[in-house]
Amino acid sequence: MQLKQPLILASQSPRRKQLLEQAGFSFDIKVVETDESFPRDMPIPEIPIHIARNKALAVANEVDENAIVLAADTVVVLNNTIIGKPKDRQDAINILTRLSGQTHHVITGVIIRANGQETAFQKTTEVHFMPLTHEQIEFYVDNYKPYDKAGAYAIQEWIGAIGIDKINGCFYNVMGLPISNVSKLLLAL
């Protein structure tokens, strides 16, 4: 789908790129290294919006002012604790062991900057993992190397097929971009 203005994705996530392509949008990718810290007292649902806003602002300052800038950030939350990307193999195993048999939340914050205006929203999806064996967790980590993924997994990979028995909310949000909501907003511009 062709928009009236150029669309810039402020993310190097291959999954966000894939979802935007799947929705038929033409876009360029521009990433600027940004600080992903946040105030300690910030409520968890606001954190991905805060980080996405920083990404969007950094990119907006370096592209044509007529461009639409889309940025997103996703966090995985278990028992009111944010679970980030694993540091290494053992950390990935530990994270997946914690998620095994539990329900967690995936929150994606989205920022769309266009025409001097900002639209911000967050989408939450509840995800339940069945109990996973240590062998299943090691197999996944060793074969899929989920080191660039919040929560150490990608729902669209093997572990999602064998380990996730239910979700409440948007599947694509768990991949990193609630594409139906994003599409609706982009087409309304």
N, C-alpha and C. Protein backbone atom coordinates (compact mmCIF):
# COMPACT_ATOMS: atom_id res chain seq x y z
N MET A 1 0.84 -1.17 0.00
CA MET A 1 0.00 0.00 0.00
C MET A 1 0.89 1.24 0.00
N GLN A 2 0.58 2.13 -0.88
CA GLN A 2 1.38 3.34 -0.99
C GLN A 2 0.72 4.45 -0.18
N LEU A 3 1.49 5.02 0.71
CA LEU A 3 1.01 6.15 1.49
C LEU A 3 1.37 7.43 0.76
N LYS A 4 0.74 8.54 1.13
CA LYS A 4 1.01 9.82 0.48
C LYS A 4 2.39 10.36 0.84
N GLN A 5 2.92 9.90 1.98
CA GLN A 5 4.23 10.35 2.43
C GLN A 5 5.14 9.14 2.58
N PRO A 6 6.46 9.35 2.52
CA PRO A 6 7.36 8.21 2.72
C PRO A 6 7.24 7.68 4.16
N LEU A 7 7.30 6.37 4.28
CA LEU A 7 7.21 5.70 5.58
C LEU A 7 8.61 5.21 5.96
N ILE A 8 9.01 5.53 7.19
CA ILE A 8 10.31 5.09 7.70
C ILE A 8 10.07 4.22 8.92
N LEU A 9 10.58 3.00 8.88
CA LEU A 9 10.52 2.11 10.04
C LEU A 9 11.78 2.33 10.86
N ALA A 10 11.60 2.80 12.10
CA ALA A 10 12.73 3.07 12.99
C ALA A 10 13.03 1.83 13.83
N SER A 11 13.36 0.75 13.15
CA SER A 11 13.62 -0.52 13.83
C SER A 11 14.45 -1.41 12.93
N GLN A 12 15.35 -2.17 13.55
CA GLN A 12 16.11 -3.15 12.77
C GLN A 12 15.54 -4.55 12.96
N SER A 13 14.39 -4.65 13.61
CA SER A 13 13.77 -5.95 13.84
C SER A 13 13.32 -6.59 12.52
N PRO A 14 13.83 -7.78 12.21
CA PRO A 14 13.39 -8.45 10.99
C PRO A 14 11.89 -8.80 11.05
N ARG A 15 11.36 -9.02 12.26
CA ARG A 15 9.95 -9.36 12.38
C ARG A 15 9.05 -8.16 12.09
N ARG A 16 9.43 -6.99 12.57
CA ARG A 16 8.63 -5.79 12.26
C ARG A 16 8.67 -5.51 10.76
N LYS A 17 9.85 -5.66 10.17
CA LYS A 17 9.99 -5.47 8.72
C LYS A 17 9.07 -6.44 7.98
N GLN A 18 9.10 -7.70 8.39
CA GLN A 18 8.27 -8.73 7.75
C GLN A 18 6.79 -8.40 7.86
N LEU A 19 6.34 -7.95 9.02
CA LEU A 19 4.93 -7.66 9.22
C LEU A 19 4.48 -6.46 8.39
N LEU A 20 5.31 -5.42 8.31
CA LEU A 20 4.96 -4.27 7.46
C LEU A 20 4.90 -4.67 5.99
N GLU A 21 5.84 -5.51 5.57
CA GLU A 21 5.83 -6.00 4.18
C GLU A 21 4.58 -6.84 3.93
N GLN A 22 4.25 -7.70 4.88
CA GLN A 22 3.07 -8.56 4.77
C GLN A 22 1.81 -7.72 4.62
N ALA A 23 1.77 -6.57 5.29
CA ALA A 23 0.60 -5.69 5.22
C ALA A 23 0.61 -4.85 3.94
N GLY A 24 1.68 -4.97 3.14
CA GLY A 24 1.72 -4.33 1.83
C GLY A 24 2.26 -2.92 1.80
N PHE A 25 2.94 -2.50 2.86
CA PHE A 25 3.46 -1.13 2.89
C PHE A 25 4.85 -1.06 2.25
N SER A 26 5.09 0.05 1.56
CA SER A 26 6.42 0.38 1.06
C SER A 26 7.07 1.27 2.10
N PHE A 27 8.32 1.00 2.45
CA PHE A 27 8.97 1.76 3.50
C PHE A 27 10.48 1.60 3.41
N ASP A 28 11.16 2.50 4.09
CA ASP A 28 12.60 2.41 4.26
C ASP A 28 12.87 2.17 5.73
N ILE A 29 14.05 1.67 6.02
CA ILE A 29 14.45 1.44 7.41
C ILE A 29 15.57 2.40 7.76
N LYS A 30 15.42 3.04 8.90
CA LYS A 30 16.47 3.94 9.41
C LYS A 30 16.54 3.71 10.91
N VAL A 31 17.71 3.40 11.38
CA VAL A 31 17.90 3.14 12.81
C VAL A 31 18.97 4.07 13.34
N VAL A 32 18.68 4.68 14.47
CA VAL A 32 19.66 5.51 15.17
C VAL A 32 19.80 4.92 16.56
N GLU A 33 21.04 4.71 16.98
CA GLU A 33 21.29 4.16 18.31
C GLU A 33 20.68 5.09 19.36
N THR A 34 19.85 4.53 20.24
CA THR A 34 19.19 5.36 21.26
C THR A 34 19.31 4.71 22.63
N ASP A 35 19.15 5.55 23.61
CA ASP A 35 19.17 5.11 25.01
C ASP A 35 17.86 4.38 25.28
N GLU A 36 17.94 3.16 25.81
CA GLU A 36 16.73 2.40 26.11
C GLU A 36 16.44 2.36 27.60
N SER A 37 17.02 3.30 28.35
CA SER A 37 16.73 3.35 29.78
C SER A 37 15.40 4.08 29.99
N PHE A 38 14.90 4.00 31.20
CA PHE A 38 13.62 4.63 31.54
C PHE A 38 13.62 4.94 33.03
N PRO A 39 12.79 5.89 33.44
CA PRO A 39 12.72 6.22 34.87
C PRO A 39 12.30 5.00 35.70
N ARG A 40 12.94 4.82 36.83
CA ARG A 40 12.67 3.64 37.67
C ARG A 40 11.22 3.54 38.13
N ASP A 41 10.57 4.68 38.30
CA ASP A 41 9.20 4.66 38.81
C ASP A 41 8.15 4.66 37.69
N MET A 42 8.59 4.53 36.45
CA MET A 42 7.65 4.52 35.33
C MET A 42 6.82 3.24 35.35
N PRO A 43 5.49 3.35 35.23
CA PRO A 43 4.66 2.14 35.17
C PRO A 43 5.05 1.27 33.96
N ILE A 44 5.06 -0.03 34.16
CA ILE A 44 5.53 -0.96 33.11
C ILE A 44 4.84 -0.74 31.77
N PRO A 45 3.51 -0.57 31.70
CA PRO A 45 2.90 -0.39 30.37
C PRO A 45 3.37 0.85 29.61
N GLU A 46 3.94 1.84 30.32
CA GLU A 46 4.43 3.05 29.66
C GLU A 46 5.87 2.90 29.15
N ILE A 47 6.58 1.91 29.63
CA ILE A 47 8.00 1.76 29.28
C ILE A 47 8.21 1.52 27.78
N PRO A 48 7.49 0.59 27.13
CA PRO A 48 7.75 0.41 25.70
C PRO A 48 7.37 1.65 24.87
N ILE A 49 6.39 2.43 25.32
CA ILE A 49 6.06 3.67 24.62
C ILE A 49 7.20 4.66 24.77
N HIS A 50 7.73 4.78 25.97
CA HIS A 50 8.85 5.69 26.24
C HIS A 50 10.05 5.35 25.34
N ILE A 51 10.39 4.08 25.27
CA ILE A 51 11.55 3.65 24.46
C ILE A 51 11.27 3.85 22.97
N ALA A 52 10.05 3.50 22.53
CA ALA A 52 9.67 3.70 21.12
C ALA A 52 9.71 5.19 20.76
N ARG A 53 9.28 6.05 21.67
CA ARG A 53 9.29 7.50 21.42
C ARG A 53 10.73 7.98 21.21
N ASN A 54 11.65 7.50 22.04
CA ASN A 54 13.06 7.89 21.87
C ASN A 54 13.59 7.45 20.51
N LYS A 55 13.22 6.26 20.08
CA LYS A 55 13.65 5.77 18.76
C LYS A 55 13.07 6.64 17.65
N ALA A 56 11.77 6.95 17.77
CA ALA A 56 11.09 7.74 16.74
C ALA A 56 11.68 9.14 16.64
N LEU A 57 11.92 9.77 17.78
CA LEU A 57 12.48 11.12 17.78
C LEU A 57 13.87 11.15 17.17
N ALA A 58 14.69 10.17 17.52
CA ALA A 58 16.06 10.12 16.98
C ALA A 58 16.04 9.99 15.46
N VAL A 59 15.16 9.16 14.93
CA VAL A 59 15.07 8.98 13.49
C VAL A 59 14.42 10.19 12.83
N ALA A 60 13.38 10.74 13.44
CA ALA A 60 12.67 11.89 12.86
C ALA A 60 13.62 13.08 12.66
N ASN A 61 14.60 13.20 13.53
CA ASN A 61 15.57 14.29 13.42
C ASN A 61 16.53 14.11 12.25
N GLU A 62 16.55 12.92 11.65
CA GLU A 62 17.51 12.64 10.58
C GLU A 62 16.87 12.35 9.22
N VAL A 63 15.55 12.45 9.14
CA VAL A 63 14.88 12.17 7.87
C VAL A 63 14.07 13.39 7.43
N ASP A 64 13.56 13.33 6.23
CA ASP A 64 12.72 14.40 5.68
C ASP A 64 11.55 14.67 6.61
N GLU A 65 11.25 15.93 6.83
CA GLU A 65 10.17 16.28 7.76
C GLU A 65 8.79 15.82 7.29
N ASN A 66 8.66 15.49 6.00
CA ASN A 66 7.38 14.99 5.48
C ASN A 66 7.21 13.48 5.69
N ALA A 67 8.25 12.82 6.16
CA ALA A 67 8.19 11.37 6.33
C ALA A 67 7.34 11.00 7.54
N ILE A 68 6.75 9.83 7.45
CA ILE A 68 6.06 9.22 8.58
C ILE A 68 7.07 8.29 9.24
N VAL A 69 7.27 8.45 10.54
CA VAL A 69 8.22 7.60 11.27
C VAL A 69 7.43 6.67 12.17
N LEU A 70 7.70 5.39 12.04
CA LEU A 70 7.06 4.35 12.85
C LEU A 70 8.12 3.69 13.72
N ALA A 71 7.90 3.70 15.02
CA ALA A 71 8.83 3.04 15.95
C ALA A 71 8.02 2.19 16.92
N ALA A 72 8.65 1.12 17.40
CA ALA A 72 7.98 0.24 18.35
C ALA A 72 9.02 -0.36 19.29
N ASP A 73 8.55 -0.75 20.45
CA ASP A 73 9.39 -1.48 21.39
C ASP A 73 8.50 -2.48 22.11
N THR A 74 9.04 -3.66 22.36
CA THR A 74 8.26 -4.72 22.99
C THR A 74 8.95 -5.19 24.26
N VAL A 75 8.15 -5.37 25.31
CA VAL A 75 8.66 -5.94 26.55
C VAL A 75 7.83 -7.17 26.92
N VAL A 76 8.49 -8.10 27.56
CA VAL A 76 7.85 -9.30 28.09
C VAL A 76 7.82 -9.12 29.61
N VAL A 77 6.65 -9.35 30.20
CA VAL A 77 6.48 -9.11 31.63
C VAL A 77 5.95 -10.38 32.30
N LEU A 78 6.68 -10.84 33.31
CA LEU A 78 6.26 -11.98 34.11
C LEU A 78 6.25 -11.54 35.57
N ASN A 79 5.10 -11.69 36.21
CA ASN A 79 4.97 -11.32 37.63
C ASN A 79 5.48 -9.91 37.90
N ASN A 80 5.05 -8.97 37.09
CA ASN A 80 5.42 -7.55 37.24
C ASN A 80 6.91 -7.27 37.09
N THR A 81 7.62 -8.16 36.41
CA THR A 81 9.05 -7.98 36.15
C THR A 81 9.28 -8.05 34.64
N ILE A 82 10.00 -7.05 34.13
CA ILE A 82 10.34 -7.07 32.70
C ILE A 82 11.44 -8.07 32.45
N ILE A 83 11.22 -8.91 31.45
CA ILE A 83 12.23 -9.88 31.04
C ILE A 83 12.77 -9.41 29.70
N GLY A 84 14.03 -9.08 29.67
CA GLY A 84 14.64 -8.55 28.46
C GLY A 84 15.15 -9.62 27.53
N LYS A 85 16.09 -9.22 26.70
CA LYS A 85 16.74 -10.16 25.77
C LYS A 85 17.81 -10.92 26.55
N PRO A 86 17.98 -12.21 26.25
CA PRO A 86 19.00 -12.98 26.98
C PRO A 86 20.41 -12.53 26.62
N LYS A 87 21.28 -12.60 27.63
CA LYS A 87 22.68 -12.20 27.43
C LYS A 87 23.48 -13.30 26.73
N ASP A 88 23.08 -14.55 26.99
CA ASP A 88 23.82 -15.69 26.44
C ASP A 88 22.93 -16.94 26.52
N ARG A 89 23.51 -18.07 26.18
CA ARG A 89 22.76 -19.34 26.14
C ARG A 89 22.13 -19.66 27.50
N GLN A 90 22.92 -19.58 28.56
CA GLN A 90 22.41 -19.93 29.89
C GLN A 90 21.30 -18.99 30.32
N ASP A 91 21.43 -17.72 30.01
CA ASP A 91 20.38 -16.76 30.35
C ASP A 91 19.09 -17.08 29.59
N ALA A 92 19.21 -17.44 28.31
CA ALA A 92 18.03 -17.82 27.52
C ALA A 92 17.35 -19.05 28.13
N ILE A 93 18.13 -20.03 28.54
CA ILE A 93 17.58 -21.23 29.18
C ILE A 93 16.87 -20.84 30.49
N ASN A 94 17.51 -19.98 31.27
CA ASN A 94 16.91 -19.55 32.54
C ASN A 94 15.60 -18.81 32.32
N ILE A 95 15.56 -17.92 31.33
CA ILE A 95 14.34 -17.16 31.04
C ILE A 95 13.22 -18.10 30.63
N LEU A 96 13.50 -19.02 29.71
CA LEU A 96 12.45 -19.94 29.25
C LEU A 96 12.00 -20.88 30.36
N THR A 97 12.90 -21.22 31.25
CA THR A 97 12.52 -22.05 32.41
C THR A 97 11.54 -21.28 33.29
N ARG A 98 11.78 -19.98 33.46
CA ARG A 98 10.86 -19.15 34.25
C ARG A 98 9.50 -19.02 33.57
N LEU A 99 9.47 -18.91 32.24
CA LEU A 99 8.22 -18.75 31.51
C LEU A 99 7.43 -20.06 31.41
N SER A 100 8.12 -21.19 31.51
CA SER A 100 7.49 -22.50 31.37
C SER A 100 6.36 -22.68 32.38
N GLY A 101 5.18 -23.06 31.87
CA GLY A 101 4.02 -23.31 32.73
C GLY A 101 3.36 -22.05 33.27
N GLN A 102 3.79 -20.89 32.79
CA GLN A 102 3.30 -19.61 33.32
C GLN A 102 2.57 -18.80 32.24
N THR A 103 1.81 -17.83 32.72
CA THR A 103 1.20 -16.83 31.85
C THR A 103 2.00 -15.55 32.01
N HIS A 104 2.37 -14.95 30.89
CA HIS A 104 3.07 -13.67 30.92
C HIS A 104 2.39 -12.71 29.96
N HIS A 105 2.82 -11.47 29.98
CA HIS A 105 2.25 -10.44 29.12
C HIS A 105 3.32 -9.90 28.18
N VAL A 106 2.92 -9.67 26.95
CA VAL A 106 3.79 -9.03 25.97
C VAL A 106 3.16 -7.68 25.67
N ILE A 107 3.93 -6.62 25.91
CA ILE A 107 3.43 -5.26 25.71
C ILE A 107 4.29 -4.58 24.64
N THR A 108 3.63 -4.11 23.60
CA THR A 108 4.33 -3.38 22.55
C THR A 108 3.84 -1.94 22.57
N GLY A 109 4.80 -1.02 22.64
CA GLY A 109 4.51 0.40 22.53
C GLY A 109 4.81 0.84 21.11
N VAL A 110 3.89 1.61 20.54
CA VAL A 110 4.04 2.06 19.15
C VAL A 110 3.94 3.59 19.11
N ILE A 111 4.83 4.19 18.33
CA ILE A 111 4.80 5.62 18.08
C ILE A 111 4.76 5.83 16.57
N ILE A 112 3.83 6.66 16.12
CA ILE A 112 3.78 7.08 14.72
C ILE A 112 3.88 8.61 14.72
N ARG A 113 4.93 9.12 14.10
CA ARG A 113 5.13 10.57 13.99
C ARG A 113 4.89 10.98 12.54
N ALA A 114 3.93 11.91 12.37
CA ALA A 114 3.61 12.38 11.02
C ALA A 114 3.05 13.79 11.10
N ASN A 115 3.47 14.64 10.19
CA ASN A 115 2.93 16.00 10.09
C ASN A 115 3.03 16.77 11.40
N GLY A 116 4.14 16.57 12.13
CA GLY A 116 4.33 17.28 13.38
C GLY A 116 3.49 16.75 14.53
N GLN A 117 2.78 15.68 14.31
CA GLN A 117 1.91 15.08 15.33
C GLN A 117 2.46 13.71 15.73
N GLU A 118 2.11 13.29 16.93
CA GLU A 118 2.51 11.96 17.39
C GLU A 118 1.28 11.17 17.82
N THR A 119 1.23 9.94 17.38
CA THR A 119 0.21 9.00 17.87
C THR A 119 0.96 7.93 18.63
N ALA A 120 0.52 7.68 19.85
CA ALA A 120 1.16 6.68 20.70
C ALA A 120 0.11 5.73 21.25
N PHE A 121 0.44 4.45 21.26
CA PHE A 121 -0.44 3.48 21.92
C PHE A 121 0.36 2.27 22.33
N GLN A 122 -0.21 1.49 23.22
CA GLN A 122 0.41 0.22 23.57
C GLN A 122 -0.64 -0.87 23.48
N LYS A 123 -0.19 -2.05 23.16
CA LYS A 123 -1.06 -3.22 23.01
C LYS A 123 -0.48 -4.32 23.90
N THR A 124 -1.35 -4.97 24.65
CA THR A 124 -0.92 -6.05 25.54
C THR A 124 -1.56 -7.36 25.10
N THR A 125 -0.76 -8.41 25.06
CA THR A 125 -1.24 -9.75 24.76
C THR A 125 -0.79 -10.67 25.89
N GLU A 126 -1.72 -11.50 26.34
CA GLU A 126 -1.44 -12.47 27.39
C GLU A 126 -1.05 -13.79 26.72
N VAL A 127 0.06 -14.36 27.15
CA VAL A 127 0.58 -15.59 26.52
C VAL A 127 0.78 -16.65 27.61
N HIS A 128 0.31 -17.86 27.35
CA HIS A 128 0.51 -18.95 28.31
C HIS A 128 1.37 -20.05 27.70
N PHE A 129 2.47 -20.36 28.38
CA PHE A 129 3.32 -21.49 28.01
C PHE A 129 2.88 -22.72 28.77
N MET A 130 2.79 -23.84 28.07
CA MET A 130 2.63 -25.12 28.75
C MET A 130 3.95 -25.43 29.45
N PRO A 131 3.96 -26.35 30.41
CA PRO A 131 5.25 -26.73 31.00
C PRO A 131 6.18 -27.30 29.91
N LEU A 132 7.40 -26.80 29.88
CA LEU A 132 8.40 -27.25 28.91
C LEU A 132 9.44 -28.08 29.63
N THR A 133 9.95 -29.10 28.95
CA THR A 133 11.02 -29.89 29.54
C THR A 133 12.35 -29.15 29.33
N HIS A 134 13.33 -29.52 30.12
CA HIS A 134 14.66 -28.92 29.97
C HIS A 134 15.21 -29.24 28.58
N GLU A 135 14.92 -30.43 28.08
CA GLU A 135 15.40 -30.84 26.75
C GLU A 135 14.76 -29.96 25.66
N GLN A 136 13.47 -29.67 25.79
CA GLN A 136 12.80 -28.81 24.81
C GLN A 136 13.41 -27.41 24.82
N ILE A 137 13.65 -26.88 26.01
CA ILE A 137 14.22 -25.54 26.13
C ILE A 137 15.61 -25.50 25.51
N GLU A 138 16.45 -26.49 25.83
CA GLU A 138 17.80 -26.52 25.26
C GLU A 138 17.77 -26.68 23.74
N PHE A 139 16.87 -27.54 23.26
CA PHE A 139 16.74 -27.73 21.81
C PHE A 139 16.41 -26.40 21.14
N TYR A 140 15.45 -25.69 21.69
CA TYR A 140 15.05 -24.41 21.10
C TYR A 140 16.20 -23.41 21.12
N VAL A 141 16.82 -23.24 22.26
CA VAL A 141 17.90 -22.26 22.38
C VAL A 141 19.05 -22.62 21.44
N ASP A 142 19.42 -23.89 21.38
CA ASP A 142 20.56 -24.30 20.55
C ASP A 142 20.26 -24.21 19.05
N ASN A 143 19.01 -24.43 18.66
CA ASN A 143 18.67 -24.44 17.24
C ASN A 143 18.15 -23.11 16.71
N TYR A 144 17.55 -22.30 17.58
CA TYR A 144 16.93 -21.05 17.12
C TYR A 144 17.66 -19.80 17.62
N LYS A 145 18.55 -19.96 18.59
CA LYS A 145 19.39 -18.87 19.10
C LYS A 145 18.60 -17.56 19.30
N PRO A 146 17.68 -17.55 20.27
CA PRO A 146 16.77 -16.40 20.45
C PRO A 146 17.38 -15.24 21.23
N TYR A 147 18.61 -14.89 20.93
CA TYR A 147 19.33 -13.89 21.73
C TYR A 147 18.90 -12.46 21.45
N ASP A 148 18.21 -12.23 20.33
CA ASP A 148 17.77 -10.87 20.01
C ASP A 148 16.28 -10.67 20.30
N LYS A 149 15.72 -11.56 21.11
CA LYS A 149 14.28 -11.52 21.35
C LYS A 149 13.96 -11.32 22.83
N ALA A 150 13.12 -10.34 23.12
CA ALA A 150 12.64 -10.15 24.49
C ALA A 150 11.94 -11.43 24.93
N GLY A 151 12.25 -11.89 26.12
CA GLY A 151 11.65 -13.13 26.61
C GLY A 151 12.30 -14.39 26.06
N ALA A 152 13.32 -14.25 25.24
CA ALA A 152 14.10 -15.37 24.70
C ALA A 152 13.30 -16.32 23.81
N TYR A 153 12.25 -15.80 23.17
CA TYR A 153 11.52 -16.67 22.24
C TYR A 153 10.82 -15.84 21.17
N ALA A 154 10.48 -16.52 20.09
CA ALA A 154 9.65 -15.95 19.03
C ALA A 154 8.45 -16.87 18.87
N ILE A 155 7.26 -16.33 19.01
CA ILE A 155 6.03 -17.13 18.99
C ILE A 155 5.86 -17.87 17.67
N GLN A 156 6.39 -17.31 16.57
CA GLN A 156 6.20 -17.92 15.25
C GLN A 156 7.20 -19.05 14.99
N GLU A 157 8.11 -19.29 15.92
CA GLU A 157 9.08 -20.37 15.75
C GLU A 157 8.59 -21.65 16.43
N TRP A 158 9.44 -22.66 16.40
CA TRP A 158 9.14 -23.99 16.92
C TRP A 158 8.55 -23.95 18.33
N ILE A 159 9.13 -23.16 19.20
CA ILE A 159 8.69 -23.14 20.60
C ILE A 159 7.26 -22.65 20.73
N GLY A 160 6.85 -21.73 19.87
CA GLY A 160 5.46 -21.27 19.89
C GLY A 160 4.50 -22.37 19.49
N ALA A 161 4.90 -23.15 18.49
CA ALA A 161 4.05 -24.23 18.00
C ALA A 161 3.88 -25.34 19.03
N ILE A 162 4.95 -25.66 19.76
CA ILE A 162 4.85 -26.79 20.69
C ILE A 162 4.61 -26.36 22.13
N GLY A 163 4.88 -25.10 22.45
CA GLY A 163 4.85 -24.71 23.86
C GLY A 163 3.76 -23.74 24.27
N ILE A 164 3.21 -23.00 23.33
CA ILE A 164 2.20 -22.00 23.70
C ILE A 164 0.83 -22.58 23.40
N ASP A 165 0.04 -22.74 24.47
CA ASP A 165 -1.27 -23.35 24.27
C ASP A 165 -2.40 -22.34 24.19
N LYS A 166 -2.15 -21.08 24.62
CA LYS A 166 -3.20 -20.08 24.42
C LYS A 166 -2.63 -18.68 24.53
N ILE A 167 -3.28 -17.80 23.77
CA ILE A 167 -2.98 -16.38 23.88
C ILE A 167 -4.30 -15.63 23.96
N ASN A 168 -4.25 -14.50 24.64
CA ASN A 168 -5.42 -13.64 24.72
C ASN A 168 -4.97 -12.28 24.20
N GLY A 169 -5.36 -11.98 22.96
CA GLY A 169 -4.93 -10.74 22.34
C GLY A 169 -4.35 -10.98 20.96
N CYS A 170 -3.58 -10.01 20.50
CA CYS A 170 -3.05 -10.01 19.14
C CYS A 170 -1.79 -10.88 19.01
N PHE A 171 -1.84 -11.87 18.15
CA PHE A 171 -0.70 -12.74 17.87
C PHE A 171 0.49 -11.92 17.36
N TYR A 172 0.21 -11.00 16.42
CA TYR A 172 1.30 -10.23 15.81
C TYR A 172 1.95 -9.27 16.81
N ASN A 173 1.22 -8.88 17.83
CA ASN A 173 1.80 -8.07 18.89
C ASN A 173 2.94 -8.82 19.57
N VAL A 174 2.78 -10.13 19.74
CA VAL A 174 3.81 -10.95 20.36
C VAL A 174 5.04 -11.02 19.43
N MET A 175 4.82 -10.91 18.14
CA MET A 175 5.94 -10.87 17.19
C MET A 175 6.65 -9.52 17.21
N GLY A 176 6.00 -8.50 17.78
CA GLY A 176 6.66 -7.20 17.91
C GLY A 176 5.95 -6.02 17.28
N LEU A 177 4.80 -6.25 16.62
CA LEU A 177 4.08 -5.14 16.02
C LEU A 177 2.61 -5.51 15.84
N PRO A 178 1.70 -4.81 16.54
CA PRO A 178 0.27 -5.08 16.34
C PRO A 178 -0.16 -4.50 14.99
N ILE A 179 0.11 -5.24 13.94
CA ILE A 179 0.05 -4.72 12.57
C ILE A 179 -1.34 -4.25 12.15
N SER A 180 -2.41 -4.86 12.64
CA SER A 180 -3.74 -4.40 12.24
C SER A 180 -4.00 -2.99 12.78
N ASN A 181 -3.60 -2.74 14.02
CA ASN A 181 -3.76 -1.40 14.59
C ASN A 181 -2.88 -0.38 13.87
N VAL A 182 -1.65 -0.77 13.60
CA VAL A 182 -0.71 0.11 12.91
C VAL A 182 -1.22 0.43 11.50
N SER A 183 -1.70 -0.59 10.77
CA SER A 183 -2.21 -0.39 9.41
C SER A 183 -3.36 0.60 9.40
N LYS A 184 -4.27 0.43 10.32
CA LYS A 184 -5.44 1.32 10.40
C LYS A 184 -5.00 2.77 10.61
N LEU A 185 -4.05 3.00 11.50
CA LEU A 185 -3.57 4.35 11.78
C LEU A 185 -2.82 4.93 10.57
N LEU A 186 -1.97 4.12 9.94
CA LEU A 186 -1.21 4.61 8.79
C LEU A 186 -2.14 4.98 7.63
N LEU A 187 -3.14 4.16 7.38
CA LEU A 187 -4.05 4.42 6.27
C LEU A 187 -4.96 5.61 6.54
N ALA A 188 -5.13 5.97 7.81
CA ALA A 188 -5.95 7.12 8.16
C ALA A 188 -5.20 8.44 7.97
N LEU A 189 -3.87 8.37 7.81
CA LEU A 189 -3.07 9.61 7.68
C LEU A 189 -3.33 10.29 6.34
